[in-house]
Amino acid sequence: TTEEKTKSDKVVRYHVAQNKDDDSEFKGQWRVRKEGSKKTIKYFKTQAEAIKYAETLADNNDTSIVIHKRDGSIRKQDYSNKKSSK
């Protein structure tokens, strides 16, 4: 059926990570970008601001976010703001 998702239709998650690029004017800031993309959507001074923005993007696109620690390791994966139904 057309409702079945193929790999090309896979919903892409958003990643929140700190910018470690020494040549960037945004070094040390937190950035939001799509999974697999090298292009940053937006930079933020705090991780909390970046998470809030990424949550909005994820909610609007019915996907989730991955939050990284300062060292780049994953702090929280498949993080979604959606409330689970009981």
C-alpha atoms as a PDB file:
ATOM      1  CA  THR A   1       0.000   0.000   0.000  1.00  0.00           C
ATOM      2  CA  THR A   2       1.040   3.602  -0.380  1.00  0.00           C
ATOM      3  CA  GLU A   3       0.946   4.003   3.397  1.00  0.00           C
ATOM      4  CA  GLU A   4       3.995   1.788   3.804  1.00  0.00           C
ATOM      5  CA  LYS A   5       7.154   3.809   4.293  1.00  0.00           C
ATOM      6  CA  THR A   6      10.122   3.087   2.090  1.00  0.00           C
ATOM      7  CA  LYS A   7      13.676   3.931   3.122  1.00  0.00           C
ATOM      8  CA  SER A   8      13.616   7.060   0.979  1.00  0.00           C
ATOM      9  CA  ASP A   9      10.531   8.225   2.892  1.00  0.00           C
ATOM     10  CA  LYS A  10      12.239   7.705   6.244  1.00  0.00           C
ATOM     11  CA  VAL A  11      11.605  10.620   8.566  1.00  0.00           C
ATOM     12  CA  VAL A  12      14.834  12.408   9.358  1.00  0.00           C
ATOM     13  CA  ARG A  13      15.594  13.323  12.955  1.00  0.00           C
ATOM     14  CA  TYR A  14      17.066  16.631  14.069  1.00  0.00           C
ATOM     15  CA  HIS A  15      20.349  16.774  15.977  1.00  0.00           C
ATOM     16  CA  VAL A  16      21.351  19.296  18.641  1.00  0.00           C
ATOM     17  CA  ALA A  17      25.141  19.470  19.066  1.00  0.00           C
ATOM     18  CA  GLN A  18      27.855  21.928  19.961  1.00  0.00           C
ATOM     19  CA  ASN A  19      29.812  23.468  17.088  1.00  0.00           C
ATOM     20  CA  LYS A  20      33.459  22.362  17.346  1.00  0.00           C
ATOM     21  CA  ASP A  21      34.635  23.997  14.105  1.00  0.00           C
ATOM     22  CA  ASP A  22      37.673  26.162  14.944  1.00  0.00           C
ATOM     23  CA  ASP A  23      37.198  28.211  11.761  1.00  0.00           C
ATOM     24  CA  SER A  24      33.540  29.013  12.460  1.00  0.00           C
ATOM     25  CA  GLU A  25      32.370  32.326  13.872  1.00  0.00           C
ATOM     26  CA  PHE A  26      29.829  30.192  15.776  1.00  0.00           C
ATOM     27  CA  LYS A  27      32.428  27.951  17.500  1.00  0.00           C
ATOM     28  CA  GLY A  28      31.139  26.817  20.889  1.00  0.00           C
ATOM     29  CA  GLN A  29      27.525  27.611  20.064  1.00  0.00           C
ATOM     30  CA  TRP A  30      24.824  24.949  19.831  1.00  0.00           C
ATOM     31  CA  ARG A  31      23.474  24.063  16.417  1.00  0.00           C
ATOM     32  CA  VAL A  32      20.462  22.264  15.024  1.00  0.00           C
ATOM     33  CA  ARG A  33      20.741  20.234  11.843  1.00  0.00           C
ATOM     34  CA  LYS A  34      19.041  17.387  10.039  1.00  0.00           C
ATOM     35  CA  GLU A  35      20.421  13.904  10.390  1.00  0.00           C
ATOM     36  CA  GLY A  36      23.004  13.216   7.689  1.00  0.00           C
ATOM     37  CA  SER A  37      23.306  16.876   6.702  1.00  0.00           C
ATOM     38  CA  LYS A  38      26.425  18.997   7.014  1.00  0.00           C
ATOM     39  CA  LYS A  39      24.347  22.177   6.817  1.00  0.00           C
ATOM     40  CA  THR A  40      23.341  23.858  10.066  1.00  0.00           C
ATOM     41  CA  ILE A  41      19.749  25.085  10.235  1.00  0.00           C
ATOM     42  CA  LYS A  42      20.340  27.535  13.087  1.00  0.00           C
ATOM     43  CA  TYR A  43      22.871  28.389  15.837  1.00  0.00           C
ATOM     44  CA  PHE A  44      22.061  29.138  19.482  1.00  0.00           C
ATOM     45  CA  LYS A  45      24.009  30.449  22.470  1.00  0.00           C
ATOM     46  CA  THR A  46      22.553  27.809  24.808  1.00  0.00           C
ATOM     47  CA  GLN A  47      21.702  24.145  24.431  1.00  0.00           C
ATOM     48  CA  ALA A  48      18.261  24.778  25.943  1.00  0.00           C
ATOM     49  CA  GLU A  49      17.390  27.255  23.163  1.00  0.00           C
ATOM     50  CA  ALA A  50      18.602  24.815  20.516  1.00  0.00           C
ATOM     51  CA  ILE A  51      16.543  21.975  22.018  1.00  0.00           C
ATOM     52  CA  LYS A  52      13.408  24.129  22.130  1.00  0.00           C
ATOM     53  CA  TYR A  53      13.845  25.071  18.451  1.00  0.00           C
ATOM     54  CA  ALA A  54      14.593  21.464  17.431  1.00  0.00           C
ATOM     55  CA  GLU A  55      11.495  20.249  19.312  1.00  0.00           C
ATOM     56  CA  THR A  56       9.346  22.641  17.285  1.00  0.00           C
ATOM     57  CA  LEU A  57      10.866  21.393  14.023  1.00  0.00           C
ATOM     58  CA  ALA A  58      10.439  17.770  15.108  1.00  0.00           C
ATOM     59  CA  ASP A  59       6.811  18.297  16.146  1.00  0.00           C
ATOM     60  CA  ASN A  60       6.007  20.022  12.845  1.00  0.00           C
ATOM     61  CA  ASN A  61       7.616  17.189  10.868  1.00  0.00           C
ATOM     62  CA  ASP A  62       6.380  14.315  13.064  1.00  0.00           C
ATOM     63  CA  THR A  63       9.897  13.194  13.974  1.00  0.00           C
ATOM     64  CA  SER A  64      12.198  13.322  16.990  1.00  0.00           C
ATOM     65  CA  ILE A  65      15.469  14.909  18.064  1.00  0.00           C
ATOM     66  CA  VAL A  66      18.831  13.601  19.207  1.00  0.00           C
ATOM     67  CA  ILE A  67      20.581  15.664  21.864  1.00  0.00           C
ATOM     68  CA  HIS A  68      24.370  15.513  22.078  1.00  0.00           C
ATOM     69  CA  LYS A  69      26.614  16.354  25.037  1.00  0.00           C
ATOM     70  CA  ARG A  70      29.491  18.839  24.783  1.00  0.00           C
ATOM     71  CA  ASP A  71      31.871  15.980  23.931  1.00  0.00           C
ATOM     72  CA  GLY A  72      29.645  14.895  21.046  1.00  0.00           C
ATOM     73  CA  SER A  73      28.313  11.716  22.636  1.00  0.00           C
ATOM     74  CA  ILE A  74      24.566  11.219  22.678  1.00  0.00           C
ATOM     75  CA  ARG A  75      22.784  12.495  25.776  1.00  0.00           C
ATOM     76  CA  LYS A  76      19.264  11.612  24.712  1.00  0.00           C
ATOM     77  CA  GLN A  77      18.071   9.813  21.595  1.00  0.00           C
ATOM     78  CA  ASP A  78      14.674   9.726  19.918  1.00  0.00           C
ATOM     79  CA  TYR A  79      13.627  12.483  22.255  1.00  0.00           C
ATOM     80  CA  SER A  80      10.092  13.534  21.526  1.00  0.00           C
ATOM     81  CA  ASN A  81       7.926  16.085  23.275  1.00  0.00           C
ATOM     82  CA  LYS A  82       4.796  14.111  22.464  1.00  0.00           C
ATOM     83  CA  LYS A  83       2.885  12.768  25.437  1.00  0.00           C
ATOM     84  CA  SER A  84       2.348   9.018  25.344  1.00  0.00           C
ATOM     85  CA  SER A  85      -1.279   7.957  25.487  1.00  0.00           C
ATOM     86  CA  LYS A  86      -2.237   5.680  28.373  1.00  0.00           C
END
